[in-house]
């Protein structure tokens, strides 16, 4: 069983930046596509961004395009989410997810149930 561990969350002022990291404990990310989701209080978990195993394909939710960047360093076994120009509506618990398949399926990438492993989440709070 793969357990993902997120880090890098915190409190930041609107307009600021944070960089989240995600790494698996116990094994590598070998051949896994990965994604970030977020969940605000009282709301459903929603897709933020996804990246293929090679890093050659990336996808974003419209509201974060141009502000967030998903990337990975397979040598370090880590997936990142660089978040710039943060807004109060970005406040949420951010979750890392991984799928046992190297490619991103665009038709299903936004569906949480299509991912095999999840982290415990890291809180991001943006103050206005």
C-alpha atoms as a PDB file:
ATOM      1  CA  UNK A   1       0.000   0.000   0.000  1.00  0.00           C
ATOM      2  CA  UNK A   2       1.304   3.425  -0.962  1.00  0.00           C
ATOM      3  CA  UNK A   3       0.838   6.319   1.432  1.00  0.00           C
ATOM      4  CA  UNK A   4       1.358   9.772  -0.010  1.00  0.00           C
ATOM      5  CA  UNK A   5       2.685  12.534   2.206  1.00  0.00           C
ATOM      6  CA  UNK A   6       2.022  16.187   1.397  1.00  0.00           C
ATOM      7  CA  UNK A   7       3.889  19.159   2.809  1.00  0.00           C
ATOM      8  CA  UNK A   8       4.259  22.872   2.237  1.00  0.00           C
ATOM      9  CA  UNK A   9       0.847  24.171   3.203  1.00  0.00           C
ATOM     10  CA  UNK A  10       0.349  27.159   5.463  1.00  0.00           C
ATOM     11  CA  UNK A  11      -1.051  30.646   5.859  1.00  0.00           C
ATOM     12  CA  UNK A  12      -0.260  33.229   3.201  1.00  0.00           C
ATOM     13  CA  UNK A  13      -1.607  36.636   2.238  1.00  0.00           C
ATOM     14  CA  UNK A  14      -3.522  37.124  -0.974  1.00  0.00           C
ATOM     15  CA  UNK A  15      -1.107  37.558  -3.853  1.00  0.00           C
ATOM     16  CA  UNK A  16       1.499  35.393  -2.190  1.00  0.00           C
ATOM     17  CA  UNK A  17       2.948  32.018  -3.134  1.00  0.00           C
ATOM     18  CA  UNK A  18       3.285  28.535  -1.716  1.00  0.00           C
ATOM     19  CA  UNK A  19       4.858  25.356  -3.048  1.00  0.00           C
ATOM     20  CA  UNK A  20       3.352  22.024  -2.090  1.00  0.00           C
ATOM     21  CA  UNK A  21       5.262  18.763  -2.245  1.00  0.00           C
ATOM     22  CA  UNK A  22       4.063  15.172  -2.361  1.00  0.00           C
ATOM     23  CA  UNK A  23       6.121  12.047  -1.937  1.00  0.00           C
ATOM     24  CA  UNK A  24       5.152   8.419  -1.375  1.00  0.00           C
ATOM     25  CA  UNK A  25       6.279   6.579   1.703  1.00  0.00           C
ATOM     26  CA  UNK A  26       7.400   3.031   1.293  1.00  0.00           C
ATOM     27  CA  UNK A  27       7.854   2.971  -2.455  1.00  0.00           C
ATOM     28  CA  UNK A  28       8.506   5.084  -5.521  1.00  0.00           C
ATOM     29  CA  UNK A  29       6.231   6.967  -7.876  1.00  0.00           C
ATOM     30  CA  UNK A  30       7.463   4.720 -10.676  1.00  0.00           C
ATOM     31  CA  UNK A  31       5.033   4.787 -13.606  1.00  0.00           C
ATOM     32  CA  UNK A  32       2.359   6.651 -11.620  1.00  0.00           C
ATOM     33  CA  UNK A  33       0.503   9.650 -12.953  1.00  0.00           C
ATOM     34  CA  UNK A  34      -0.277  12.165 -10.210  1.00  0.00           C
ATOM     35  CA  UNK A  35      -2.718  14.941  -9.434  1.00  0.00           C
ATOM     36  CA  UNK A  36      -3.672  17.566  -6.905  1.00  0.00           C
ATOM     37  CA  UNK A  37      -7.204  18.040  -5.627  1.00  0.00           C
ATOM     38  CA  UNK A  38      -8.559  20.467  -3.068  1.00  0.00           C
ATOM     39  CA  UNK A  39     -11.500  20.555  -0.713  1.00  0.00           C
ATOM     40  CA  UNK A  40     -12.929  23.667   0.883  1.00  0.00           C
ATOM     41  CA  UNK A  41     -15.083  23.413   4.029  1.00  0.00           C
ATOM     42  CA  UNK A  42     -18.522  22.049   3.240  1.00  0.00           C
ATOM     43  CA  UNK A  43     -17.676  21.430  -0.407  1.00  0.00           C
ATOM     44  CA  UNK A  44     -16.737  18.453  -2.543  1.00  0.00           C
ATOM     45  CA  UNK A  45     -13.169  17.540  -3.397  1.00  0.00           C
ATOM     46  CA  UNK A  46     -12.310  19.091  -6.762  1.00  0.00           C
ATOM     47  CA  UNK A  47      -9.569  18.632  -9.329  1.00  0.00           C
ATOM     48  CA  UNK A  48      -6.759  21.181  -9.451  1.00  0.00           C
ATOM     49  CA  UNK A  49      -4.036  19.785 -11.717  1.00  0.00           C
ATOM     50  CA  UNK A  50      -2.610  16.540 -13.076  1.00  0.00           C
ATOM     51  CA  UNK A  51       0.687  15.369 -14.530  1.00  0.00           C
ATOM     52  CA  UNK A  52       1.759  12.266 -16.404  1.00  0.00           C
ATOM     53  CA  UNK A  53       4.592  10.021 -15.249  1.00  0.00           C
ATOM     54  CA  UNK A  54       7.036  11.604 -17.673  1.00  0.00           C
ATOM     55  CA  UNK A  55       5.912  15.119 -16.842  1.00  0.00           C
ATOM     56  CA  UNK A  56       5.274  15.715 -20.517  1.00  0.00           C
ATOM     57  CA  UNK A  57       1.537  16.204 -20.086  1.00  0.00           C
ATOM     58  CA  UNK A  58      -0.070  18.560 -17.593  1.00  0.00           C
ATOM     59  CA  UNK A  59      -3.656  19.666 -17.097  1.00  0.00           C
ATOM     60  CA  UNK A  60      -5.261  22.349 -14.942  1.00  0.00           C
ATOM     61  CA  UNK A  61      -8.597  23.456 -13.629  1.00  0.00           C
ATOM     62  CA  UNK A  62      -9.537  26.679 -15.433  1.00  0.00           C
ATOM     63  CA  UNK A  63      -9.503  28.777 -12.274  1.00  0.00           C
ATOM     64  CA  UNK A  64      -5.819  28.041 -11.583  1.00  0.00           C
ATOM     65  CA  UNK A  65      -4.404  28.210 -15.111  1.00  0.00           C
ATOM     66  CA  UNK A  66      -1.592  30.721 -15.314  1.00  0.00           C
ATOM     67  CA  UNK A  67      -1.197  30.808 -11.519  1.00  0.00           C
ATOM     68  CA  UNK A  68      -0.439  27.201 -10.529  1.00  0.00           C
ATOM     69  CA  UNK A  69       2.195  24.880 -11.966  1.00  0.00           C
ATOM     70  CA  UNK A  70       2.331  21.134 -11.409  1.00  0.00           C
ATOM     71  CA  UNK A  71       5.696  19.447 -11.875  1.00  0.00           C
ATOM     72  CA  UNK A  72       7.620  16.405 -10.768  1.00  0.00           C
ATOM     73  CA  UNK A  73      11.160  15.307 -10.139  1.00  0.00           C
ATOM     74  CA  UNK A  74      11.228  11.542 -10.538  1.00  0.00           C
ATOM     75  CA  UNK A  75      14.836  11.373  -9.353  1.00  0.00           C
ATOM     76  CA  UNK A  76      13.618  12.840  -6.055  1.00  0.00           C
ATOM     77  CA  UNK A  77      10.376  10.861  -6.183  1.00  0.00           C
ATOM     78  CA  UNK A  78       8.374  14.026  -5.612  1.00  0.00           C
ATOM     79  CA  UNK A  79       5.471  15.858  -7.210  1.00  0.00           C
ATOM     80  CA  UNK A  80       5.055  19.610  -6.693  1.00  0.00           C
ATOM     81  CA  UNK A  81       2.373  22.247  -6.962  1.00  0.00           C
ATOM     82  CA  UNK A  82       3.704  25.787  -7.235  1.00  0.00           C
ATOM     83  CA  UNK A  83       0.930  28.219  -6.382  1.00  0.00           C
ATOM     84  CA  UNK A  84       1.360  31.900  -7.233  1.00  0.00           C
ATOM     85  CA  UNK A  85      -0.969  34.900  -7.053  1.00  0.00           C
ATOM     86  CA  UNK A  86      -3.018  33.129  -4.429  1.00  0.00           C
ATOM     87  CA  UNK A  87      -6.580  34.239  -3.796  1.00  0.00           C
ATOM     88  CA  UNK A  88      -8.863  33.770  -0.810  1.00  0.00           C
ATOM     89  CA  UNK A  89     -10.922  31.301  -2.861  1.00  0.00           C
ATOM     90  CA  UNK A  90      -7.864  29.033  -3.067  1.00  0.00           C
ATOM     91  CA  UNK A  91      -8.241  28.323   0.646  1.00  0.00           C
ATOM     92  CA  UNK A  92      -8.753  24.581   1.076  1.00  0.00           C
ATOM     93  CA  UNK A  93      -7.158  21.335   2.123  1.00  0.00           C
ATOM     94  CA  UNK A  94      -4.964  20.196  -0.767  1.00  0.00           C
ATOM     95  CA  UNK A  95      -4.622  16.485  -1.490  1.00  0.00           C
ATOM     96  CA  UNK A  96      -2.092  14.635  -3.587  1.00  0.00           C
ATOM     97  CA  UNK A  97      -3.316  11.610  -5.556  1.00  0.00           C
ATOM     98  CA  UNK A  98      -1.602   8.960  -7.656  1.00  0.00           C
ATOM     99  CA  UNK A  99      -2.830   6.550 -10.271  1.00  0.00           C
ATOM    100  CA  UNK A 100      -1.194   3.231 -11.160  1.00  0.00           C
ATOM    101  CA  UNK A 101      -0.808   4.210 -14.785  1.00  0.00           C
ATOM    102  CA  UNK A 102       1.761   6.510 -16.391  1.00  0.00           C
ATOM    103  CA  UNK A 103      -0.602   8.541 -18.554  1.00  0.00           C
ATOM    104  CA  UNK A 104      -3.393  10.989 -17.748  1.00  0.00           C
ATOM    105  CA  UNK A 105      -6.829  10.092 -19.065  1.00  0.00           C
ATOM    106  CA  UNK A 106      -8.462  13.435 -19.777  1.00  0.00           C
ATOM    107  CA  UNK A 107     -11.963  11.974 -19.597  1.00  0.00           C
ATOM    108  CA  UNK A 108     -11.498  10.761 -16.024  1.00  0.00           C
ATOM    109  CA  UNK A 109      -8.690  12.847 -14.516  1.00  0.00           C
ATOM    110  CA  UNK A 110     -11.138  15.032 -12.547  1.00  0.00           C
ATOM    111  CA  UNK A 111     -12.824  12.060 -10.856  1.00  0.00           C
ATOM    112  CA  UNK A 112     -11.334  11.296  -7.421  1.00  0.00           C
ATOM    113  CA  UNK A 113     -12.412   7.643  -7.565  1.00  0.00           C
ATOM    114  CA  UNK A 114     -10.081   7.043 -10.511  1.00  0.00           C
ATOM    115  CA  UNK A 115      -6.993   7.501  -8.364  1.00  0.00           C
ATOM    116  CA  UNK A 116      -5.510   4.636  -6.392  1.00  0.00           C
ATOM    117  CA  UNK A 117      -3.632   6.442  -3.625  1.00  0.00           C
ATOM    118  CA  UNK A 118      -4.133   9.607  -1.608  1.00  0.00           C
ATOM    119  CA  UNK A 119      -2.335  11.713   0.937  1.00  0.00           C
ATOM    120  CA  UNK A 120      -3.737  13.017   4.189  1.00  0.00           C
ATOM    121  CA  UNK A 121      -3.960  16.584   2.907  1.00  0.00           C
ATOM    122  CA  UNK A 122      -2.261  19.856   3.748  1.00  0.00           C
ATOM    123  CA  UNK A 123      -4.100  23.040   4.694  1.00  0.00           C
ATOM    124  CA  UNK A 124      -3.656  26.157   2.574  1.00  0.00           C
ATOM    125  CA  UNK A 125      -5.180  29.330   3.952  1.00  0.00           C
ATOM    126  CA  UNK A 126      -5.105  32.572   1.989  1.00  0.00           C
ATOM    127  CA  UNK A 127      -5.950  35.699   3.933  1.00  0.00           C
ATOM    128  CA  UNK A 128      -7.419  38.675   2.107  1.00  0.00           C
END
